[in-house]
Amino acid sequence: MQEQTRQLPRSAQVDKVRLTWPLIPGAVRYQVVLLSAPEHKQENVVYAETVSAAGTEILLEALHGTPFEKTYWQVCGLRLDGSPVGTFSAPKPLAEGERRPVAPLILSEYAAMPETPIYLVYAWVPVQKTSSYEVEVWREEVGRRERVRHYYTYEPVLYDETPLLRKGEYSWRVRALDGNGRKWSDWSEPDNFSVHAPVTVAALGDSITHGGGAVMTPPSRALYCWESYAGLPVKNLGRSGDSTDELLWRFDNDVAPFAPKYLVIMGGVNDFRVGTPARITIQNLSRLAEKCRAYGITPVFATATPIAPRLMDKVWDIEPAAWGWKAEQRAINVWILAQPHAVDVATPLTDENGELSAELTTDGLHPDAEAKKIIGERIGSYLKEKFGLQ
């Protein structure tokens, strides 16, 4: 009996090549250039495109007859204003890319994180000529495999709004669909990760705790997560966009299942930037401390980081900062620093005008990689020195 040849998915029948590269700190977008020679000269450029992810699929029809085997590629990071971050990478042969990939390539890095965030963000290299994507999350048990999430999306980044709270072994995967919702690609290789409970340290906060940076990089990349720099495992309970009202509201649901011994609480930015009075924020933070004590948790507060309104105004989806925000931020931080356990992460990020230093942020609201490193190292050092954690 003759062995059947596996039918390639339709996405792999499109002549294309997939390229990926490491994240460039501070890059909002990337310019990818194809060259007909390894020297970067204007006359050698045969194709250029700008993408938001650190990876792309290029249709080989874009070469317009330039031989594939003799084509090279380079990439350069771009800032929000389009200026370059550093210089172009060294030319590489296009043939070293993945030609006609059969499945999407996951960009999320949960498999490498010691503790997985509870609000997952799924991200992958966009697939050429697709219409939408299907995402699945699976939980593994001995003798049993259970699908716990199933989503459809049109974008190559998907924020999960439901927290993943049950301990166990998990994986997630994605595949591309055509315009009729039918299979366009195979399923990606899975991103495997674990959910542990109880944990020693957890962090409750907004997007600064959740992660992400440089406007376009999602929280699923370790570069922009301060927990990556703490030097000890920290369970990420952050959720993008949260005010202190919302932190308080989801405490019982999101914090209690992990029974942390220590809870880092960083909130307030989404309060003062929209005009919420400091007394309301302080009241919420005080109630969070009470909840911690009721659960036998030691609260460790981190100061609310500043913002840079002039930079926020340059980003399309960030509302203008409220008048008088500095006074409200200052009042919040005075209260925080008076608590039994507090870490000042705001001061090293603040410029001479009392704003978030332009060198440490792209959008004026979210600290970027270097700032996240400062935050993570400060919090990690405090936890180690104060409580003897490793």
Protein backbone atom coordinates (compact mmCIF):
# COMPACT_ATOMS: atom_id res chain seq x y z
CA MET A 1 0.00 0.00 0.00
CA GLN A 2 1.46 3.32 -1.07
CA GLU A 3 2.03 5.91 1.70
CA GLN A 4 -0.02 9.07 1.23
CA THR A 5 1.81 12.38 0.97
CA ARG A 6 0.55 14.90 3.50
CA GLN A 7 -1.34 17.75 1.91
CA LEU A 8 0.35 21.06 2.75
CA PRO A 9 -1.95 23.72 4.17
CA ARG A 10 -2.91 26.41 1.71
CA SER A 11 -0.81 29.00 3.54
CA ALA A 12 2.32 26.95 2.75
CA GLN A 13 1.43 26.88 -0.93
CA VAL A 14 1.99 30.64 -1.05
CA ASP A 15 5.61 31.36 -1.97
CA LYS A 16 6.87 33.41 0.95
CA VAL A 17 9.63 33.51 3.56
CA ARG A 18 9.33 34.22 7.27
CA LEU A 19 11.91 36.39 9.02
CA THR A 20 12.31 37.03 12.75
CA TRP A 21 14.73 39.02 14.88
CA PRO A 22 15.21 39.93 18.56
CA LEU A 23 13.19 42.79 20.00
CA ILE A 24 15.03 46.09 19.77
CA PRO A 25 14.50 48.12 22.98
CA GLY A 26 12.57 51.29 22.24
CA ALA A 27 11.46 50.25 18.74
CA VAL A 28 7.80 50.93 18.02
CA ARG A 29 8.04 49.51 14.50
CA TYR A 30 10.64 47.86 12.30
CA GLN A 31 11.76 48.56 8.75
CA VAL A 32 12.71 45.46 6.79
CA VAL A 33 14.74 45.94 3.62
CA LEU A 34 15.55 43.37 0.90
CA LEU A 35 18.78 43.89 -1.02
CA SER A 36 20.12 42.53 -4.30
CA ALA A 37 23.64 42.66 -2.82
CA PRO A 38 25.01 42.44 0.73
CA GLU A 39 26.07 46.09 0.74
CA HIS A 40 23.36 48.45 2.00
CA LYS A 41 23.22 50.87 -0.94
CA GLN A 42 20.10 52.60 -2.20
CA GLU A 43 20.41 51.07 -5.66
CA ASN A 44 20.46 47.58 -4.12
CA VAL A 45 17.10 47.92 -2.31
CA VAL A 46 14.48 45.81 -4.07
CA TYR A 47 11.79 45.86 -1.39
CA ALA A 48 11.06 47.58 1.95
CA GLU A 49 8.21 47.33 4.43
CA THR A 50 7.43 48.58 7.93
CA VAL A 51 5.97 46.14 10.48
CA SER A 52 4.97 46.34 14.15
CA ALA A 53 6.09 42.87 15.29
CA ALA A 54 9.65 41.52 15.46
CA GLY A 55 8.87 39.20 12.58
CA THR A 56 7.18 39.19 9.19
CA GLU A 57 6.29 37.04 6.20
CA ILE A 58 7.44 38.40 2.85
CA LEU A 59 5.83 37.34 -0.41
CA LEU A 60 8.56 36.43 -2.87
CA GLU A 61 6.62 38.10 -5.65
CA ALA A 62 7.90 41.33 -4.04
CA LEU A 63 11.37 40.50 -5.40
CA HIS A 64 10.22 41.33 -8.94
CA GLY A 65 12.56 38.84 -10.54
CA THR A 66 15.58 39.28 -8.25
CA PRO A 67 16.92 35.76 -7.58
CA PHE A 68 15.84 34.50 -4.15
CA GLU A 69 19.20 32.84 -3.51
CA LYS A 70 21.05 36.12 -4.11
CA THR A 71 18.79 38.35 -1.99
CA TYR A 72 19.75 39.67 1.45
CA TRP A 73 17.73 41.30 4.20
CA GLN A 74 18.28 43.83 7.01
CA VAL A 75 16.13 45.28 9.75
CA CYS A 76 16.18 48.53 11.70
CA GLY A 77 14.05 49.62 14.66
CA LEU A 78 12.01 52.82 14.34
CA ARG A 79 10.87 55.22 17.05
CA LEU A 80 7.37 56.66 17.27
CA ASP A 81 8.39 59.57 15.01
CA GLY A 82 9.92 57.22 12.43
CA SER A 83 13.54 57.97 13.27
CA PRO A 84 15.89 54.96 13.50
CA VAL A 85 16.85 53.20 16.72
CA GLY A 86 20.53 52.55 16.08
CA THR A 87 21.52 51.26 12.63
CA PHE A 88 20.43 48.48 10.30
CA SER A 89 21.43 44.95 11.23
CA ALA A 90 24.14 43.23 9.21
CA PRO A 91 22.85 41.79 5.90
CA LYS A 92 21.73 38.16 6.03
CA PRO A 93 20.83 35.85 3.13
CA LEU A 94 17.08 35.72 2.61
CA ALA A 95 17.47 31.99 2.02
CA GLU A 96 18.23 31.57 5.74
CA GLY A 97 14.65 32.55 6.53
CA GLU A 98 11.87 29.97 6.82
CA ARG A 99 10.41 29.45 3.36
CA ARG A 100 6.73 28.52 3.01
CA PRO A 101 6.05 27.98 6.74
CA VAL A 102 3.14 25.65 7.43
CA ALA A 103 1.99 27.30 10.68
CA PRO A 104 2.16 30.61 12.59
CA LEU A 105 5.17 31.32 14.80
CA ILE A 106 4.33 32.22 18.40
CA LEU A 107 6.07 35.32 19.79
CA SER A 108 4.77 35.11 23.39
CA GLU A 109 7.42 33.96 25.86
CA TYR A 110 5.44 32.26 28.61
CA ALA A 111 7.41 29.02 28.35
CA ALA A 112 10.51 30.91 29.51
CA MET A 113 8.86 32.74 32.42
CA PRO A 114 9.20 31.29 35.93
CA GLU A 115 5.66 32.42 36.73
CA THR A 116 2.96 32.92 34.11
CA PRO A 117 0.78 36.06 34.24
CA ILE A 118 -2.89 35.37 34.91
CA TYR A 119 -4.01 37.71 32.10
CA LEU A 120 -2.42 36.14 29.04
CA VAL A 121 -1.66 37.99 25.83
CA TYR A 122 -1.30 35.76 22.75
CA ALA A 123 1.00 37.05 19.99
CA TRP A 124 2.47 35.61 16.78
CA VAL A 125 4.04 36.63 13.49
CA PRO A 126 1.25 37.77 11.13
CA VAL A 127 0.41 35.28 8.36
CA GLN A 128 0.21 36.46 4.74
CA LYS A 129 -3.13 36.29 2.90
CA THR A 130 -5.06 35.13 5.97
CA SER A 131 -8.39 36.56 7.11
CA SER A 132 -8.48 35.63 10.80
CA TYR A 133 -7.00 33.37 13.46
CA GLU A 134 -8.16 30.69 15.88
CA VAL A 135 -6.57 30.44 19.35
CA GLU A 136 -6.84 27.55 21.80
CA VAL A 137 -5.56 27.07 25.35
CA TRP A 138 -5.33 23.53 26.75
CA ARG A 139 -4.88 22.18 30.26
CA GLU A 140 -3.09 18.86 30.65
CA GLU A 141 -3.75 16.25 33.33
CA VAL A 142 -2.73 12.62 33.58
CA GLY A 143 -4.98 10.83 31.12
CA ARG A 144 -6.96 13.99 30.30
CA ARG A 145 -6.62 17.02 28.04
CA GLU A 146 -9.12 19.86 28.42
CA ARG A 147 -9.59 22.91 26.20
CA VAL A 148 -10.11 25.90 28.50
CA ARG A 149 -10.02 28.78 26.01
CA HIS A 150 -11.19 29.10 22.41
CA TYR A 151 -11.07 32.43 20.61
CA TYR A 152 -11.30 33.90 17.11
CA THR A 153 -9.56 37.15 16.23
CA TYR A 154 -8.61 39.25 13.22
CA GLU A 155 -5.39 40.57 14.76
CA PRO A 156 -2.07 38.80 15.53
CA VAL A 157 -2.23 39.98 19.17
CA LEU A 158 -5.06 38.95 21.48
CA TYR A 159 -5.55 40.10 25.09
CA ASP A 160 -7.33 37.51 27.23
CA GLU A 161 -9.77 39.25 29.57
CA THR A 162 -10.43 36.13 31.67
CA PRO A 163 -7.78 35.30 34.31
CA LEU A 164 -6.15 31.87 34.32
CA LEU A 165 -6.39 30.88 37.98
CA ARG A 166 -6.33 27.09 38.16
CA LYS A 167 -2.94 25.51 38.78
CA GLY A 168 -1.70 22.94 36.28
CA GLU A 169 0.17 22.40 33.04
CA TYR A 170 -1.02 24.39 30.02
CA SER A 171 -0.26 25.14 26.40
CA TRP A 172 -1.67 27.49 23.80
CA ARG A 173 -1.56 27.45 20.01
CA VAL A 174 -2.86 29.38 17.01
CA ARG A 175 -3.73 28.72 13.38
CA ALA A 176 -4.72 30.96 10.47
CA LEU A 177 -8.14 30.83 8.79
CA ASP A 178 -9.36 31.94 5.37
CA GLY A 179 -12.21 34.34 4.65
CA ASN A 180 -14.77 31.57 5.18
CA GLY A 181 -13.39 30.56 8.57
CA ARG A 182 -11.73 27.42 7.19
CA LYS A 183 -8.24 26.15 7.87
CA TRP A 184 -5.57 28.21 6.12
CA SER A 185 -2.52 27.02 8.07
CA ASP A 186 -1.62 24.19 10.42
CA TRP A 187 -1.64 24.76 14.17
CA SER A 188 1.49 26.41 15.53
CA GLU A 189 3.90 24.61 17.80
CA PRO A 190 2.48 25.03 21.34
CA ASP A 191 3.76 27.47 23.93
CA ASN A 192 3.85 25.30 27.07
CA PHE A 193 3.66 26.85 30.53
CA SER A 194 2.71 26.08 34.12
CA VAL A 195 0.42 27.76 36.64
CA HIS A 196 1.65 27.32 40.22
CA ALA A 197 -0.22 27.82 43.49
CA PRO A 198 0.48 28.81 46.15
CA VAL A 199 3.27 31.29 45.36
CA THR A 200 5.64 33.24 47.57
CA VAL A 201 5.48 36.62 45.80
CA ALA A 202 2.77 38.09 43.57
CA ALA A 203 2.32 41.54 42.02
CA LEU A 204 -1.01 43.32 41.70
CA GLY A 205 -1.22 46.31 39.42
CA ASP A 206 -2.13 47.88 36.10
CA SER A 207 -0.32 47.78 32.74
CA ILE A 208 2.99 48.78 34.33
CA THR A 209 2.85 45.48 36.24
CA HIS A 210 1.17 43.55 33.42
CA GLY A 211 3.96 44.45 30.98
CA GLY A 212 4.43 45.71 27.45
CA GLY A 213 6.16 48.80 26.14
CA ALA A 214 7.23 50.97 23.21
CA VAL A 215 3.53 51.32 22.27
CA MET A 216 3.33 48.15 20.15
CA THR A 217 5.11 45.41 22.13
CA PRO A 218 2.56 43.34 24.12
CA PRO A 219 2.95 42.17 27.74
CA SER A 220 3.84 38.64 26.64
CA ARG A 221 7.46 39.67 25.93
CA ALA A 222 9.84 39.48 28.90
CA LEU A 223 11.85 42.57 27.86
CA TYR A 224 9.08 44.92 29.02
CA CYS A 225 8.02 43.06 32.19
CA TRP A 226 9.59 44.36 35.41
CA GLU A 227 9.12 40.91 36.94
CA SER A 228 11.84 39.68 34.55
CA TYR A 229 14.42 41.78 36.42
CA ALA A 230 13.41 41.04 40.03
CA GLY A 231 15.87 38.16 40.44
CA LEU A 232 13.22 35.92 42.01
CA PRO A 233 9.89 34.47 40.80
CA VAL A 234 7.00 36.96 40.93
CA LYS A 235 3.46 35.92 39.96
CA ASN A 236 2.12 38.63 37.63
CA LEU A 237 -1.45 39.57 38.61
CA GLY A 238 -1.37 42.83 36.62
CA ARG A 239 -4.15 43.83 34.25
CA SER A 240 -3.77 46.61 31.72
CA GLY A 241 -5.94 49.67 32.29
CA ASP A 242 -6.83 49.02 35.93
CA SER A 243 -7.56 51.80 38.40
CA THR A 244 -7.17 51.17 42.12
CA ASP A 245 -10.95 50.66 42.26
CA GLU A 246 -10.53 47.72 39.90
CA LEU A 247 -7.53 46.33 41.79
CA LEU A 248 -9.67 46.30 44.92
CA TRP A 249 -12.65 44.80 43.07
CA ARG A 250 -10.71 41.80 41.73
CA PHE A 251 -8.59 41.07 44.82
CA ASP A 252 -10.67 38.15 46.10
CA ASN A 253 -10.92 36.55 42.67
CA ASP A 254 -7.38 37.10 41.36
CA VAL A 255 -5.10 37.26 44.42
CA ALA A 256 -6.65 34.84 46.92
CA PRO A 257 -6.27 31.66 44.76
CA PHE A 258 -2.47 32.05 44.80
CA ALA A 259 -2.17 32.72 48.55
CA PRO A 260 1.04 34.75 48.23
CA LYS A 261 3.08 35.46 51.34
CA TYR A 262 4.02 38.86 49.91
CA LEU A 263 2.00 41.01 47.53
CA VAL A 264 3.63 43.90 45.66
CA ILE A 265 0.94 46.52 45.01
CA MET A 266 1.60 49.16 42.35
CA GLY A 267 -1.38 51.30 41.40
CA GLY A 268 -2.56 54.87 41.10
CA VAL A 269 -1.30 56.00 37.69
CA ASN A 270 -4.67 55.30 36.06
CA ASP A 271 -6.30 57.26 38.87
CA PHE A 272 -4.37 60.52 38.96
CA ARG A 273 -3.90 60.79 35.20
CA VAL A 274 -7.69 60.96 34.69
CA GLY A 275 -8.36 63.27 37.65
CA THR A 276 -9.29 60.88 40.46
CA PRO A 277 -8.49 62.65 43.77
CA ALA A 278 -5.58 61.20 45.75
CA ARG A 279 -7.80 60.67 48.79
CA ILE A 280 -9.87 58.14 46.80
CA THR A 281 -6.75 56.32 45.61
CA ILE A 282 -5.31 56.25 49.13
CA GLN A 283 -8.59 54.91 50.45
CA ASN A 284 -8.47 52.08 47.90
CA LEU A 285 -4.83 51.29 48.66
CA SER A 286 -5.60 51.26 52.38
CA ARG A 287 -8.43 48.80 51.81
CA LEU A 288 -6.08 46.62 49.74
CA ALA A 289 -3.71 46.56 52.72
CA GLU A 290 -6.61 45.53 54.97
CA LYS A 291 -7.52 42.72 52.60
CA CYS A 292 -3.93 41.52 52.57
CA ARG A 293 -3.85 41.36 56.37
CA ALA A 294 -7.17 39.48 56.39
CA TYR A 295 -5.63 36.83 54.13
CA GLY A 296 -2.34 36.70 56.03
CA ILE A 297 -0.46 38.43 53.21
CA THR A 298 2.25 41.04 53.73
CA PRO A 299 1.59 44.03 51.43
CA VAL A 300 4.59 45.74 49.83
CA PHE A 301 3.65 49.01 48.12
CA ALA A 302 5.56 50.47 45.17
CA THR A 303 5.26 54.18 44.44
CA ALA A 304 3.12 55.37 41.54
CA THR A 305 5.34 56.28 38.59
CA PRO A 306 5.04 59.71 36.94
CA ILE A 307 3.77 60.45 33.45
CA ALA A 308 4.91 62.74 30.61
CA PRO A 309 1.82 64.46 29.13
CA ARG A 310 3.66 65.98 26.17
CA LEU A 311 4.57 62.45 25.01
CA MET A 312 1.14 61.02 25.81
CA ASP A 313 -0.39 63.58 23.46
CA LYS A 314 1.55 62.07 20.55
CA VAL A 315 -0.09 58.64 20.90
CA TRP A 316 -3.49 58.16 19.31
CA ASP A 317 -5.25 56.14 22.02
CA ILE A 318 -4.10 57.83 25.24
CA GLU A 319 -6.37 60.52 26.65
CA PRO A 320 -4.81 63.81 27.84
CA ALA A 321 -3.56 63.97 31.42
CA ALA A 322 -5.73 65.66 34.04
CA TRP A 323 -4.75 69.11 35.30
CA GLY A 324 -2.94 68.97 38.65
CA TRP A 325 -1.86 65.34 38.36
CA LYS A 326 1.54 65.99 39.97
CA ALA A 327 0.01 67.05 43.27
CA GLU A 328 -2.20 63.95 43.32
CA GLN A 329 0.72 61.65 42.48
CA ARG A 330 2.82 63.27 45.19
CA ALA A 331 0.09 62.80 47.81
CA ILE A 332 -0.32 59.14 46.85
CA ASN A 333 3.41 58.50 47.13
CA VAL A 334 3.72 60.28 50.48
CA TRP A 335 1.12 57.83 51.83
CA ILE A 336 2.83 54.83 50.20
CA LEU A 337 6.26 55.69 51.60
CA ALA A 338 4.75 55.94 55.09
CA GLN A 339 3.64 52.30 54.97
CA PRO A 340 5.52 49.54 56.84
CA HIS A 341 6.79 48.07 53.55
CA ALA A 342 7.32 50.37 50.58
CA VAL A 343 9.66 50.64 47.60
CA ASP A 344 10.32 53.93 45.82
CA VAL A 345 10.44 53.10 42.11
CA ALA A 346 9.17 56.51 40.97
CA THR A 347 12.12 58.73 41.94
CA PRO A 348 14.74 57.16 39.60
CA LEU A 349 12.27 57.47 36.69
CA THR A 350 11.48 61.14 37.30
CA ASP A 351 13.12 64.05 35.47
CA GLU A 352 13.83 67.56 36.77
CA ASN A 353 10.28 68.65 35.87
CA GLY A 354 8.66 65.90 37.93
CA GLU A 355 7.65 63.93 34.83
CA LEU A 356 8.50 60.48 33.50
CA SER A 357 11.93 60.83 31.90
CA ALA A 358 11.71 60.92 28.11
CA GLU A 359 14.69 58.55 27.88
CA LEU A 360 12.69 55.88 29.73
CA THR A 361 9.35 55.97 27.88
CA THR A 362 7.94 56.12 24.38
CA ASP A 363 4.33 57.07 25.04
CA GLY A 364 4.76 59.09 28.24
CA LEU A 365 2.64 56.68 30.27
CA HIS A 366 4.35 53.29 30.20
CA PRO A 367 7.97 52.84 31.32
CA ASP A 368 10.02 51.05 28.65
CA ALA A 369 12.68 48.36 29.01
CA GLU A 370 15.36 50.28 30.94
CA ALA A 371 12.75 51.67 33.31
CA LYS A 372 11.22 48.23 33.85
CA LYS A 373 14.70 46.99 34.72
CA ILE A 374 15.04 49.74 37.33
CA ILE A 375 11.63 48.90 38.79
CA GLY A 376 12.27 45.16 38.85
CA GLU A 377 15.72 45.43 40.39
CA ARG A 378 14.54 47.83 43.10
CA ILE A 379 11.58 45.65 44.07
CA GLY A 380 13.65 42.46 43.92
CA SER A 381 16.41 43.94 46.06
CA TYR A 382 13.88 45.09 48.67
CA LEU A 383 12.22 41.66 48.87
CA LYS A 384 15.56 39.92 49.20
CA GLU A 385 17.01 42.28 51.79
CA LYS A 386 13.86 42.74 53.87
CA PHE A 387 12.47 39.21 53.85
CA GLY A 388 15.46 37.08 52.89
CA LEU A 389 13.82 35.82 49.68
CA GLN A 390 15.77 34.14 46.91
